[in-house]
Amino acid sequence: MKKQLSPAQNAELLMILRTRFEKNMNRHKGIEWTNVQARLEANTEKLWTLDEMEITGGEPDVVGYDQATDEYIFYDCAPESPKGRRSVCYDHEALAARKEHKPGNSAIGMAADMGIELLTEEQYRHLQELGNFDTKTSSWIVTPPEIRKLGGAIFGDFRYATVFIYHNGAESYYAARGFRGSLRV
């Protein structure tokens, strides 16, 4: 699969990302768009991944800069779990375990195909400090191995002015549960 956008697609995506960046300055205090754009233009394969995040409804935006690795950090910042990534179970193992009514994919599988990683609990809580997300939906998050080994997976949502992290069987899927991802550039 070709994981590169045309120059016109790159320009269109950069405009979308810049507009979102400028509209939501509270998410990335002290970060200059020109530096982010220069990094993206030097890493066009990351633009392909950001486009996948955009196409599936993630509304990716910069949420930080890691000085130790010299990377900008993008999260899916759509108000609700991205529409194009809902109704998926947690991982391939859970998908294979379903006997009937299998969903089309898994959160871990889709994320890998897109070149992103599911948010960890820490990242999910950080996202919730930037606004209220998943007030009507929920999002799978990285599940600790000891929970996954027992057949479970965890997800987060925001209700009653509180971030909740909860569990479900990894093979479950719901129309209102998807996943959010992160990307480092």
C-alpha atoms as a PDB file:
ATOM      1  CA  MET A   1       0.000   0.000   0.000  1.00  0.00           C
ATOM      2  CA  LYS A   2       1.311   3.433  -0.952  1.00  0.00           C
ATOM      3  CA  LYS A   3       1.623   5.478   2.230  1.00  0.00           C
ATOM      4  CA  GLN A   4       2.233   8.856   0.684  1.00  0.00           C
ATOM      5  CA  LEU A   5      -0.059  11.716  -0.225  1.00  0.00           C
ATOM      6  CA  SER A   6       0.134  13.789  -3.377  1.00  0.00           C
ATOM      7  CA  PRO A   7       1.542  17.323  -3.051  1.00  0.00           C
ATOM      8  CA  ALA A   8      -2.015  18.694  -3.320  1.00  0.00           C
ATOM      9  CA  GLN A   9      -3.237  16.351  -0.565  1.00  0.00           C
ATOM     10  CA  ASN A  10      -0.267  17.347   1.625  1.00  0.00           C
ATOM     11  CA  ALA A  11      -1.098  21.030   1.163  1.00  0.00           C
ATOM     12  CA  GLU A  12      -4.788  20.473   1.936  1.00  0.00           C
ATOM     13  CA  LEU A  13      -4.022  18.461   5.071  1.00  0.00           C
ATOM     14  CA  LEU A  14      -1.478  21.006   6.297  1.00  0.00           C
ATOM     15  CA  MET A  15      -4.128  23.722   5.931  1.00  0.00           C
ATOM     16  CA  ILE A  16      -6.637  21.661   7.965  1.00  0.00           C
ATOM     17  CA  LEU A  17      -4.037  20.959  10.661  1.00  0.00           C
ATOM     18  CA  ARG A  18      -2.919  24.593  10.801  1.00  0.00           C
ATOM     19  CA  THR A  19      -6.498  25.858  11.125  1.00  0.00           C
ATOM     20  CA  ARG A  20      -7.183  23.386  13.951  1.00  0.00           C
ATOM     21  CA  PHE A  21      -3.860  24.273  15.615  1.00  0.00           C
ATOM     22  CA  GLU A  22      -4.648  28.004  15.561  1.00  0.00           C
ATOM     23  CA  LYS A  23      -8.208  27.462  16.785  1.00  0.00           C
ATOM     24  CA  ASN A  24      -7.109  25.382  19.799  1.00  0.00           C
ATOM     25  CA  MET A  25      -4.004  27.129  21.162  1.00  0.00           C
ATOM     26  CA  ASN A  26      -4.748  25.889  24.696  1.00  0.00           C
ATOM     27  CA  ARG A  27      -3.697  22.385  23.594  1.00  0.00           C
ATOM     28  CA  HIS A  28      -0.133  23.372  22.686  1.00  0.00           C
ATOM     29  CA  LYS A  29       1.047  26.451  24.593  1.00  0.00           C
ATOM     30  CA  GLY A  30       4.523  27.573  23.591  1.00  0.00           C
ATOM     31  CA  ILE A  31       4.600  25.578  20.345  1.00  0.00           C
ATOM     32  CA  GLU A  32       4.946  27.421  17.045  1.00  0.00           C
ATOM     33  CA  TRP A  33       3.075  26.143  13.985  1.00  0.00           C
ATOM     34  CA  THR A  34       5.984  26.945  11.658  1.00  0.00           C
ATOM     35  CA  ASN A  35       8.169  24.440  13.547  1.00  0.00           C
ATOM     36  CA  VAL A  36       5.455  21.768  13.415  1.00  0.00           C
ATOM     37  CA  GLN A  37       4.894  22.340   9.691  1.00  0.00           C
ATOM     38  CA  ALA A  38       8.622  22.133   8.940  1.00  0.00           C
ATOM     39  CA  ARG A  39       8.798  18.809  10.788  1.00  0.00           C
ATOM     40  CA  LEU A  40       5.762  17.468   8.916  1.00  0.00           C
ATOM     41  CA  GLU A  41       7.124  18.546   5.535  1.00  0.00           C
ATOM     42  CA  ALA A  42      10.360  16.700   6.333  1.00  0.00           C
ATOM     43  CA  ASN A  43       8.421  13.539   7.315  1.00  0.00           C
ATOM     44  CA  THR A  44       5.764  13.099   4.638  1.00  0.00           C
ATOM     45  CA  GLU A  45       4.997   9.515   5.727  1.00  0.00           C
ATOM     46  CA  LYS A  46       3.691  11.053   8.973  1.00  0.00           C
ATOM     47  CA  LEU A  47       1.375  13.235   6.881  1.00  0.00           C
ATOM     48  CA  TRP A  48      -0.116  10.040   5.441  1.00  0.00           C
ATOM     49  CA  THR A  49      -0.773   8.800   8.984  1.00  0.00           C
ATOM     50  CA  LEU A  50      -2.285  12.128  10.040  1.00  0.00           C
ATOM     51  CA  ASP A  51      -4.508  11.969   6.955  1.00  0.00           C
ATOM     52  CA  GLU A  52      -5.700   8.511   8.042  1.00  0.00           C
ATOM     53  CA  MET A  53      -6.463   9.972  11.474  1.00  0.00           C
ATOM     54  CA  GLU A  54      -8.385  12.804   9.791  1.00  0.00           C
ATOM     55  CA  ILE A  55     -10.301  10.569   7.354  1.00  0.00           C
ATOM     56  CA  THR A  56     -11.541   8.350  10.200  1.00  0.00           C
ATOM     57  CA  GLY A  57     -12.803  11.353  12.178  1.00  0.00           C
ATOM     58  CA  GLY A  58      -9.993  11.794  14.697  1.00  0.00           C
ATOM     59  CA  GLU A  59      -9.341  15.512  14.207  1.00  0.00           C
ATOM     60  CA  PRO A  60      -5.633  15.172  15.118  1.00  0.00           C
ATOM     61  CA  ASP A  61      -3.932  18.098  16.823  1.00  0.00           C
ATOM     62  CA  VAL A  62      -0.618  18.830  18.532  1.00  0.00           C
ATOM     63  CA  VAL A  63      -0.849  18.274  22.284  1.00  0.00           C
ATOM     64  CA  GLY A  64       2.796  18.527  23.266  1.00  0.00           C
ATOM     65  CA  TYR A  65       6.479  18.496  22.484  1.00  0.00           C
ATOM     66  CA  ASP A  66       8.896  15.946  23.915  1.00  0.00           C
ATOM     67  CA  GLN A  67      12.248  17.708  24.387  1.00  0.00           C
ATOM     68  CA  ALA A  68      14.043  14.447  25.162  1.00  0.00           C
ATOM     69  CA  THR A  69      13.169  12.943  21.767  1.00  0.00           C
ATOM     70  CA  ASP A  70      12.665  16.224  19.867  1.00  0.00           C
ATOM     71  CA  GLU A  71       9.192  15.131  18.714  1.00  0.00           C
ATOM     72  CA  TYR A  72       5.823  16.822  18.425  1.00  0.00           C
ATOM     73  CA  ILE A  73       2.971  14.757  19.827  1.00  0.00           C
ATOM     74  CA  PHE A  74      -0.414  14.517  18.102  1.00  0.00           C
ATOM     75  CA  TYR A  75      -3.563  13.012  19.646  1.00  0.00           C
ATOM     76  CA  ASP A  76      -7.007  12.494  18.180  1.00  0.00           C
ATOM     77  CA  CYS A  77      -8.915  15.496  19.537  1.00  0.00           C
ATOM     78  CA  ALA A  78     -12.397  14.889  18.088  1.00  0.00           C
ATOM     79  CA  PRO A  79     -15.042  15.629  20.742  1.00  0.00           C
ATOM     80  CA  GLU A  80     -16.271  12.018  20.609  1.00  0.00           C
ATOM     81  CA  SER A  81     -14.453   8.792  19.787  1.00  0.00           C
ATOM     82  CA  PRO A  82     -13.643   8.915  16.044  1.00  0.00           C
ATOM     83  CA  LYS A  83     -16.657   7.754  13.998  1.00  0.00           C
ATOM     84  CA  GLY A  84     -14.610   5.798  11.490  1.00  0.00           C
ATOM     85  CA  ARG A  85     -13.052   3.708  14.260  1.00  0.00           C
ATOM     86  CA  ARG A  86     -16.056   2.562  16.272  1.00  0.00           C
ATOM     87  CA  SER A  87     -17.631  -0.877  16.629  1.00  0.00           C
ATOM     88  CA  VAL A  88     -14.268  -2.617  16.935  1.00  0.00           C
ATOM     89  CA  CYS A  89     -13.093  -5.088  19.545  1.00  0.00           C
ATOM     90  CA  TYR A  90      -9.789  -4.536  21.345  1.00  0.00           C
ATOM     91  CA  ASP A  91      -7.219  -6.641  19.455  1.00  0.00           C
ATOM     92  CA  HIS A  92      -6.723  -9.393  16.861  1.00  0.00           C
ATOM     93  CA  GLU A  93      -6.828 -12.124  19.513  1.00  0.00           C
ATOM     94  CA  ALA A  94     -10.249 -10.880  20.654  1.00  0.00           C
ATOM     95  CA  LEU A  95     -11.451 -10.651  17.050  1.00  0.00           C
ATOM     96  CA  ALA A  96     -10.356 -14.234  16.367  1.00  0.00           C
ATOM     97  CA  ALA A  97     -12.062 -15.443  19.564  1.00  0.00           C
ATOM     98  CA  ARG A  98     -15.504 -14.214  18.505  1.00  0.00           C
ATOM     99  CA  LYS A  99     -17.618 -17.076  17.204  1.00  0.00           C
ATOM    100  CA  GLU A 100     -20.294 -14.951  15.538  1.00  0.00           C
ATOM    101  CA  HIS A 101     -21.168 -11.311  14.846  1.00  0.00           C
ATOM    102  CA  LYS A 102     -17.510 -10.427  14.394  1.00  0.00           C
ATOM    103  CA  PRO A 103     -16.719  -6.731  14.003  1.00  0.00           C
ATOM    104  CA  GLY A 104     -14.817  -5.676  10.903  1.00  0.00           C
ATOM    105  CA  ASN A 105     -11.568  -5.003  12.753  1.00  0.00           C
ATOM    106  CA  SER A 106      -9.888  -4.435  16.091  1.00  0.00           C
ATOM    107  CA  ALA A 107      -8.629  -1.220  17.663  1.00  0.00           C
ATOM    108  CA  ILE A 108      -5.038  -2.488  17.853  1.00  0.00           C
ATOM    109  CA  GLY A 109      -5.185  -3.758  14.246  1.00  0.00           C
ATOM    110  CA  MET A 110      -6.613  -0.529  12.849  1.00  0.00           C
ATOM    111  CA  ALA A 111      -4.123   1.588  14.796  1.00  0.00           C
ATOM    112  CA  ALA A 112      -1.202  -0.460  13.451  1.00  0.00           C
ATOM    113  CA  ASP A 113      -2.532  -0.149   9.884  1.00  0.00           C
ATOM    114  CA  MET A 114      -2.763   3.622  10.339  1.00  0.00           C
ATOM    115  CA  GLY A 115       0.683   3.971  11.933  1.00  0.00           C
ATOM    116  CA  ILE A 116      -0.588   5.210  15.311  1.00  0.00           C
ATOM    117  CA  GLU A 117      -0.697   3.847  18.836  1.00  0.00           C
ATOM    118  CA  LEU A 118      -3.696   3.701  21.151  1.00  0.00           C
ATOM    119  CA  LEU A 119      -3.579   6.235  23.954  1.00  0.00           C
ATOM    120  CA  THR A 120      -2.340   4.955  27.288  1.00  0.00           C
ATOM    121  CA  GLU A 121      -4.338   5.723  30.435  1.00  0.00           C
ATOM    122  CA  GLU A 122      -1.882   8.518  31.244  1.00  0.00           C
ATOM    123  CA  GLN A 123      -2.244  10.007  27.752  1.00  0.00           C
ATOM    124  CA  TYR A 124      -6.038   9.691  27.914  1.00  0.00           C
ATOM    125  CA  ARG A 125      -6.111  11.578  31.218  1.00  0.00           C
ATOM    126  CA  HIS A 126      -3.812  14.236  29.699  1.00  0.00           C
ATOM    127  CA  LEU A 127      -6.202  14.624  26.759  1.00  0.00           C
ATOM    128  CA  GLN A 128      -9.091  15.144  29.186  1.00  0.00           C
ATOM    129  CA  GLU A 129      -7.173  18.057  30.771  1.00  0.00           C
ATOM    130  CA  LEU A 130      -7.350  19.815  27.382  1.00  0.00           C
ATOM    131  CA  GLY A 131     -11.162  19.673  27.123  1.00  0.00           C
ATOM    132  CA  ASN A 132     -14.108  17.361  27.611  1.00  0.00           C
ATOM    133  CA  PHE A 133     -13.817  14.352  25.311  1.00  0.00           C
ATOM    134  CA  ASP A 134     -15.953  11.199  25.060  1.00  0.00           C
ATOM    135  CA  THR A 135     -18.963  12.648  26.886  1.00  0.00           C
ATOM    136  CA  LYS A 136     -21.292  10.366  24.875  1.00  0.00           C
ATOM    137  CA  THR A 137     -18.831   7.739  23.602  1.00  0.00           C
ATOM    138  CA  SER A 138     -15.910   5.775  25.000  1.00  0.00           C
ATOM    139  CA  SER A 139     -12.449   4.866  23.705  1.00  0.00           C
ATOM    140  CA  TRP A 140     -10.355   1.724  24.093  1.00  0.00           C
ATOM    141  CA  ILE A 141      -6.970   2.498  25.667  1.00  0.00           C
ATOM    142  CA  VAL A 142      -3.778   0.466  26.029  1.00  0.00           C
ATOM    143  CA  THR A 143      -4.560  -2.430  28.342  1.00  0.00           C
ATOM    144  CA  PRO A 144      -2.006  -3.732  30.854  1.00  0.00           C
ATOM    145  CA  PRO A 145      -0.819  -7.266  29.908  1.00  0.00           C
ATOM    146  CA  GLU A 146      -2.075  -8.781  33.168  1.00  0.00           C
ATOM    147  CA  ILE A 147      -5.631  -7.618  32.410  1.00  0.00           C
ATOM    148  CA  ARG A 148      -5.448  -8.638  28.753  1.00  0.00           C
ATOM    149  CA  LYS A 149      -4.120 -12.095  29.695  1.00  0.00           C
ATOM    150  CA  LEU A 150      -7.353 -12.636  31.659  1.00  0.00           C
ATOM    151  CA  GLY A 151      -9.516 -11.684  28.645  1.00  0.00           C
ATOM    152  CA  GLY A 152     -10.206  -8.072  29.547  1.00  0.00           C
ATOM    153  CA  ALA A 153      -9.445  -4.691  28.042  1.00  0.00           C
ATOM    154  CA  ILE A 154      -9.893  -1.160  29.365  1.00  0.00           C
ATOM    155  CA  PHE A 155     -11.543   1.949  27.998  1.00  0.00           C
ATOM    156  CA  GLY A 156     -12.119   5.512  29.102  1.00  0.00           C
ATOM    157  CA  ASP A 157     -14.873   8.083  28.947  1.00  0.00           C
ATOM    158  CA  PHE A 158     -15.877  11.364  30.586  1.00  0.00           C
ATOM    159  CA  ARG A 159     -19.112  11.486  32.604  1.00  0.00           C
ATOM    160  CA  TYR A 160     -20.260  13.526  35.590  1.00  0.00           C
ATOM    161  CA  ALA A 161     -17.230  15.826  35.259  1.00  0.00           C
ATOM    162  CA  THR A 162     -14.965  12.814  35.854  1.00  0.00           C
ATOM    163  CA  VAL A 163     -12.661  10.665  33.731  1.00  0.00           C
ATOM    164  CA  PHE A 164     -13.641   7.023  34.153  1.00  0.00           C
ATOM    165  CA  ILE A 165     -11.408   4.110  33.232  1.00  0.00           C
ATOM    166  CA  TYR A 166     -13.301   0.855  33.124  1.00  0.00           C
ATOM    167  CA  HIS A 167     -13.109  -2.677  31.770  1.00  0.00           C
ATOM    168  CA  ASN A 168     -14.915  -4.947  29.363  1.00  0.00           C
ATOM    169  CA  GLY A 169     -14.239  -8.235  27.629  1.00  0.00           C
ATOM    170  CA  ALA A 170     -11.673  -7.575  24.893  1.00  0.00           C
ATOM    171  CA  GLU A 171     -13.954  -9.217  22.319  1.00  0.00           C
ATOM    172  CA  SER A 172     -16.830  -6.805  22.993  1.00  0.00           C
ATOM    173  CA  TYR A 173     -17.645  -3.956  20.652  1.00  0.00           C
ATOM    174  CA  TYR A 174     -20.200  -1.163  20.681  1.00  0.00           C
ATOM    175  CA  ALA A 175     -21.404   1.470  18.255  1.00  0.00           C
ATOM    176  CA  ALA A 176     -20.350   4.165  20.734  1.00  0.00           C
ATOM    177  CA  ARG A 177     -16.852   2.794  21.476  1.00  0.00           C
ATOM    178  CA  GLY A 178     -13.863   3.383  19.265  1.00  0.00           C
ATOM    179  CA  PHE A 179     -10.305   4.369  19.973  1.00  0.00           C
ATOM    180  CA  ARG A 180      -8.059   7.403  19.969  1.00  0.00           C
ATOM    181  CA  GLY A 181      -4.470   7.374  18.848  1.00  0.00           C
ATOM    182  CA  SER A 182      -1.207   9.216  19.233  1.00  0.00           C
ATOM    183  CA  LEU A 183       1.525   9.980  16.745  1.00  0.00           C
ATOM    184  CA  ARG A 184       5.015  11.377  17.286  1.00  0.00           C
ATOM    185  CA  VAL A 185       6.627  13.481  14.565  1.00  0.00           C
END
